[in-house]
Amino acid sequence: MTVTGYKINNGAGFITILMGGVVRMPGLSNNANYLNIDVKDDEILGIF
């Protein structure tokens, strides 16, 4: 395993070790949804 970084959480009193491409916010994707939205012929596409 390769350590790619760390985050010190002073308020919580612990250190988070970051490894590889792990996302720290569970439930969120790596790509924002606004990248999928487009307007074509006055119609909004890509929302839900």
PDB file of N, CA and C in Angstrom:
ATOM      1  N   MET A   1       0.841  -1.175   0.000  1.00  0.00           N
ATOM      2  CA  MET A   1       0.000   0.000   0.000  1.00  0.00           C
ATOM      3  C   MET A   1       0.887   1.238   0.000  1.00  0.00           C
ATOM      4  N   THR A   2       0.429   2.265  -0.730  1.00  0.00           N
ATOM      5  CA  THR A   2       1.186   3.502  -0.849  1.00  0.00           C
ATOM      6  C   THR A   2       0.451   4.637  -0.156  1.00  0.00           C
ATOM      7  N   VAL A   3       1.118   5.300   0.765  1.00  0.00           N
ATOM      8  CA  VAL A   3       0.549   6.464   1.445  1.00  0.00           C
ATOM      9  C   VAL A   3       0.760   7.673   0.549  1.00  0.00           C
ATOM     10  N   THR A   4      -0.352   8.370   0.208  1.00  0.00           N
ATOM     11  CA  THR A   4      -0.263   9.528  -0.683  1.00  0.00           C
ATOM     12  C   THR A   4      -0.368  10.853   0.059  1.00  0.00           C
ATOM     13  N   GLY A   5      -0.718  10.809   1.334  1.00  0.00           N
ATOM     14  CA  GLY A   5      -0.819  12.037   2.098  1.00  0.00           C
ATOM     15  C   GLY A   5      -1.413  11.788   3.467  1.00  0.00           C
ATOM     16  N   TYR A   6      -1.657  12.868   4.194  1.00  0.00           N
ATOM     17  CA  TYR A   6      -2.273  12.768   5.505  1.00  0.00           C
ATOM     18  C   TYR A   6      -3.052  14.036   5.803  1.00  0.00           C
ATOM     19  N   LYS A   7      -3.983  13.939   6.733  1.00  0.00           N
ATOM     20  CA  LYS A   7      -4.803  15.076   7.150  1.00  0.00           C
ATOM     21  C   LYS A   7      -4.867  15.067   8.667  1.00  0.00           C
ATOM     22  N   ILE A   8      -4.440  16.154   9.270  1.00  0.00           N
ATOM     23  CA  ILE A   8      -4.489  16.272  10.727  1.00  0.00           C
ATOM     24  C   ILE A   8      -5.829  16.891  11.112  1.00  0.00           C
ATOM     25  N   ASN A   9      -6.583  16.184  11.943  1.00  0.00           N
ATOM     26  CA  ASN A   9      -7.885  16.647  12.422  1.00  0.00           C
ATOM     27  C   ASN A   9      -7.730  17.084  13.877  1.00  0.00           C
ATOM     28  N   ASN A  10      -7.350  18.338  14.070  1.00  0.00           N
ATOM     29  CA  ASN A  10      -7.068  18.836  15.421  1.00  0.00           C
ATOM     30  C   ASN A  10      -8.279  18.730  16.349  1.00  0.00           C
ATOM     31  N   GLY A  11      -9.449  19.139  15.865  1.00  0.00           N
ATOM     32  CA  GLY A  11     -10.644  19.132  16.702  1.00  0.00           C
ATOM     33  C   GLY A  11     -11.049  17.738  17.141  1.00  0.00           C
ATOM     34  N   ALA A  12     -10.926  16.765  16.248  1.00  0.00           N
ATOM     35  CA  ALA A  12     -11.299  15.397  16.566  1.00  0.00           C
ATOM     36  C   ALA A  12     -10.180  14.661  17.302  1.00  0.00           C
ATOM     37  N   GLY A  13      -8.937  15.147  17.141  1.00  0.00           N
ATOM     38  CA  GLY A  13      -7.821  14.546  17.850  1.00  0.00           C
ATOM     39  C   GLY A  13      -7.236  13.317  17.181  1.00  0.00           C
ATOM     40  N   PHE A  14      -7.299  13.243  15.855  1.00  0.00           N
ATOM     41  CA  PHE A  14      -6.688  12.108  15.175  1.00  0.00           C
ATOM     42  C   PHE A  14      -6.123  12.514  13.829  1.00  0.00           C
ATOM     43  N   ILE A  15      -5.339  11.635  13.241  1.00  0.00           N
ATOM     44  CA  ILE A  15      -4.708  11.852  11.940  1.00  0.00           C
ATOM     45  C   ILE A  15      -5.317  10.863  10.948  1.00  0.00           C
ATOM     46  N   THR A  16      -5.694  11.341   9.755  1.00  0.00           N
ATOM     47  CA  THR A  16      -6.219  10.486   8.692  1.00  0.00           C
ATOM     48  C   THR A  16      -5.110  10.277   7.673  1.00  0.00           C
ATOM     49  N   ILE A  17      -4.797   9.010   7.391  1.00  0.00           N
ATOM     50  CA  ILE A  17      -3.790   8.663   6.398  1.00  0.00           C
ATOM     51  C   ILE A  17      -4.505   8.449   5.069  1.00  0.00           C
ATOM     52  N   LEU A  18      -4.045   9.120   3.997  1.00  0.00           N
ATOM     53  CA  LEU A  18      -4.651   9.013   2.670  1.00  0.00           C
ATOM     54  C   LEU A  18      -3.849   8.013   1.845  1.00  0.00           C
ATOM     55  N   MET A  19      -4.564   7.082   1.201  1.00  0.00           N
ATOM     56  CA  MET A  19      -3.898   6.035   0.436  1.00  0.00           C
ATOM     57  C   MET A  19      -4.545   5.899  -0.928  1.00  0.00           C
ATOM     58  N   GLY A  20      -3.769   6.050  -1.997  1.00  0.00           N
ATOM     59  CA  GLY A  20      -4.264   5.856  -3.358  1.00  0.00           C
ATOM     60  C   GLY A  20      -5.352   6.837  -3.726  1.00  0.00           C
ATOM     61  N   GLY A  21      -6.374   6.345  -4.432  1.00  0.00           N
ATOM     62  CA  GLY A  21      -7.458   7.192  -4.906  1.00  0.00           C
ATOM     63  C   GLY A  21      -8.703   7.128  -4.049  1.00  0.00           C
ATOM     64  N   VAL A  22      -8.575   6.858  -2.770  1.00  0.00           N
ATOM     65  CA  VAL A  22      -9.724   6.745  -1.885  1.00  0.00           C
ATOM     66  C   VAL A  22     -10.370   8.118  -1.704  1.00  0.00           C
ATOM     67  N   VAL A  23     -11.698   8.194  -1.846  1.00  0.00           N
ATOM     68  CA  VAL A  23     -12.450   9.429  -1.667  1.00  0.00           C
ATOM     69  C   VAL A  23     -12.783   9.575  -0.186  1.00  0.00           C
ATOM     70  N   ARG A  24     -12.499  10.749   0.396  1.00  0.00           N
ATOM     71  CA  ARG A  24     -12.734  10.951   1.827  1.00  0.00           C
ATOM     72  C   ARG A  24     -14.178  11.273   2.163  1.00  0.00           C
ATOM     73  N   MET A  25     -14.993  11.654   1.184  1.00  0.00           N
ATOM     74  CA  MET A  25     -16.396  11.964   1.430  1.00  0.00           C
ATOM     75  C   MET A  25     -17.253  10.841   0.852  1.00  0.00           C
ATOM     76  N   PRO A  26     -17.613   9.839   1.641  1.00  0.00           N
ATOM     77  CA  PRO A  26     -18.398   8.732   1.119  1.00  0.00           C
ATOM     78  C   PRO A  26     -19.735   9.205   0.550  1.00  0.00           C
ATOM     79  N   GLY A  27     -20.140   8.618  -0.537  1.00  0.00           N
ATOM     80  CA  GLY A  27     -21.406   8.960  -1.168  1.00  0.00           C
ATOM     81  C   GLY A  27     -21.270   9.988  -2.275  1.00  0.00           C
ATOM     82  N   LEU A  28     -20.143  10.652  -2.381  1.00  0.00           N
ATOM     83  CA  LEU A  28     -19.932  11.630  -3.443  1.00  0.00           C
ATOM     84  C   LEU A  28     -19.077  11.006  -4.538  1.00  0.00           C
ATOM     85  N   SER A  29     -19.394  11.327  -5.768  1.00  0.00           N
ATOM     86  CA  SER A  29     -18.620  10.776  -6.884  1.00  0.00           C
ATOM     87  C   SER A  29     -17.370  11.620  -7.123  1.00  0.00           C
ATOM     88  N   ASN A  30     -16.466  11.108  -7.928  1.00  0.00           N
ATOM     89  CA  ASN A  30     -15.247  11.839  -8.260  1.00  0.00           C
ATOM     90  C   ASN A  30     -15.511  12.967  -9.246  1.00  0.00           C
ATOM     91  N   ASN A  31     -16.608  12.872 -10.025  1.00  0.00           N
ATOM     92  CA  ASN A  31     -16.945  13.881 -11.028  1.00  0.00           C
ATOM     93  C   ASN A  31     -18.223  14.597 -10.631  1.00  0.00           C
ATOM     94  N   ALA A  32     -18.197  15.913 -10.699  1.00  0.00           N
ATOM     95  CA  ALA A  32     -19.383  16.700 -10.362  1.00  0.00           C
ATOM     96  C   ALA A  32     -20.466  16.522 -11.423  1.00  0.00           C
ATOM     97  N   ASN A  33     -21.724  16.516 -11.018  1.00  0.00           N
ATOM     98  CA  ASN A  33     -22.841  16.308 -11.944  1.00  0.00           C
ATOM     99  C   ASN A  33     -23.005  17.438 -12.951  1.00  0.00           C
ATOM    100  N   TYR A  34     -22.530  18.637 -12.629  1.00  0.00           N
ATOM    101  CA  TYR A  34     -22.692  19.741 -13.575  1.00  0.00           C
ATOM    102  C   TYR A  34     -21.952  19.466 -14.887  1.00  0.00           C
ATOM    103  N   LEU A  35     -20.999  18.564 -14.871  1.00  0.00           N
ATOM    104  CA  LEU A  35     -20.285  18.223 -16.103  1.00  0.00           C
ATOM    105  C   LEU A  35     -21.187  17.496 -17.109  1.00  0.00           C
ATOM    106  N   ASN A  36     -22.287  16.900 -16.624  1.00  0.00           N
ATOM    107  CA  ASN A  36     -23.208  16.154 -17.485  1.00  0.00           C
ATOM    108  C   ASN A  36     -24.358  17.002 -18.009  1.00  0.00           C
ATOM    109  N   ILE A  37     -24.490  18.254 -17.565  1.00  0.00           N
ATOM    110  CA  ILE A  37     -25.611  19.109 -17.947  1.00  0.00           C
ATOM    111  C   ILE A  37     -25.268  19.883 -19.217  1.00  0.00           C
ATOM    112  N   ASP A  38     -26.243  19.950 -20.130  1.00  0.00           N
ATOM    113  CA  ASP A  38     -26.051  20.668 -21.387  1.00  0.00           C
ATOM    114  C   ASP A  38     -27.384  21.275 -21.803  1.00  0.00           C
ATOM    115  N   VAL A  39     -27.349  22.310 -22.615  1.00  0.00           N
ATOM    116  CA  VAL A  39     -28.553  22.914 -23.169  1.00  0.00           C
ATOM    117  C   VAL A  39     -28.486  22.766 -24.683  1.00  0.00           C
ATOM    118  N   LYS A  40     -29.545  22.146 -25.243  1.00  0.00           N
ATOM    119  CA  LYS A  40     -29.609  21.935 -26.682  1.00  0.00           C
ATOM    120  C   LYS A  40     -31.029  22.227 -27.142  1.00  0.00           C
ATOM    121  N   ASP A  41     -31.159  23.111 -28.117  1.00  0.00           N
ATOM    122  CA  ASP A  41     -32.465  23.511 -28.647  1.00  0.00           C
ATOM    123  C   ASP A  41     -33.399  23.967 -27.527  1.00  0.00           C
ATOM    124  N   ASP A  42     -32.893  24.808 -26.622  1.00  0.00           N
ATOM    125  CA  ASP A  42     -33.660  25.348 -25.488  1.00  0.00           C
ATOM    126  C   ASP A  42     -34.173  24.274 -24.536  1.00  0.00           C
ATOM    127  N   GLU A  43     -33.555  23.110 -24.507  1.00  0.00           N
ATOM    128  CA  GLU A  43     -33.917  22.033 -23.593  1.00  0.00           C
ATOM    129  C   GLU A  43     -32.700  21.692 -22.750  1.00  0.00           C
ATOM    130  N   ILE A  44     -32.916  21.580 -21.438  1.00  0.00           N
ATOM    131  CA  ILE A  44     -31.825  21.242 -20.519  1.00  0.00           C
ATOM    132  C   ILE A  44     -31.701  19.727 -20.472  1.00  0.00           C
ATOM    133  N   LEU A  45     -30.511  19.232 -20.756  1.00  0.00           N
ATOM    134  CA  LEU A  45     -30.254  17.786 -20.768  1.00  0.00           C
ATOM    135  C   LEU A  45     -29.299  17.421 -19.644  1.00  0.00           C
ATOM    136  N   GLY A  46     -29.428  16.218 -19.107  1.00  0.00           N
ATOM    137  CA  GLY A  46     -28.474  15.695 -18.139  1.00  0.00           C
ATOM    138  C   GLY A  46     -28.821  15.936 -16.698  1.00  0.00           C
ATOM    139  N   ILE A  47     -29.992  16.477 -16.411  1.00  0.00           N
ATOM    140  CA  ILE A  47     -30.396  16.663 -15.013  1.00  0.00           C
ATOM    141  C   ILE A  47     -31.229  15.446 -14.626  1.00  0.00           C
ATOM    142  N   PHE A  48     -30.725  14.683 -13.718  1.00  0.00           N
ATOM    143  CA  PHE A  48     -31.362  13.455 -13.210  1.00  0.00           C
ATOM    144  C   PHE A  48     -31.663  12.585 -14.362  1.00  0.00           C
TER     145      PHE A  48
END
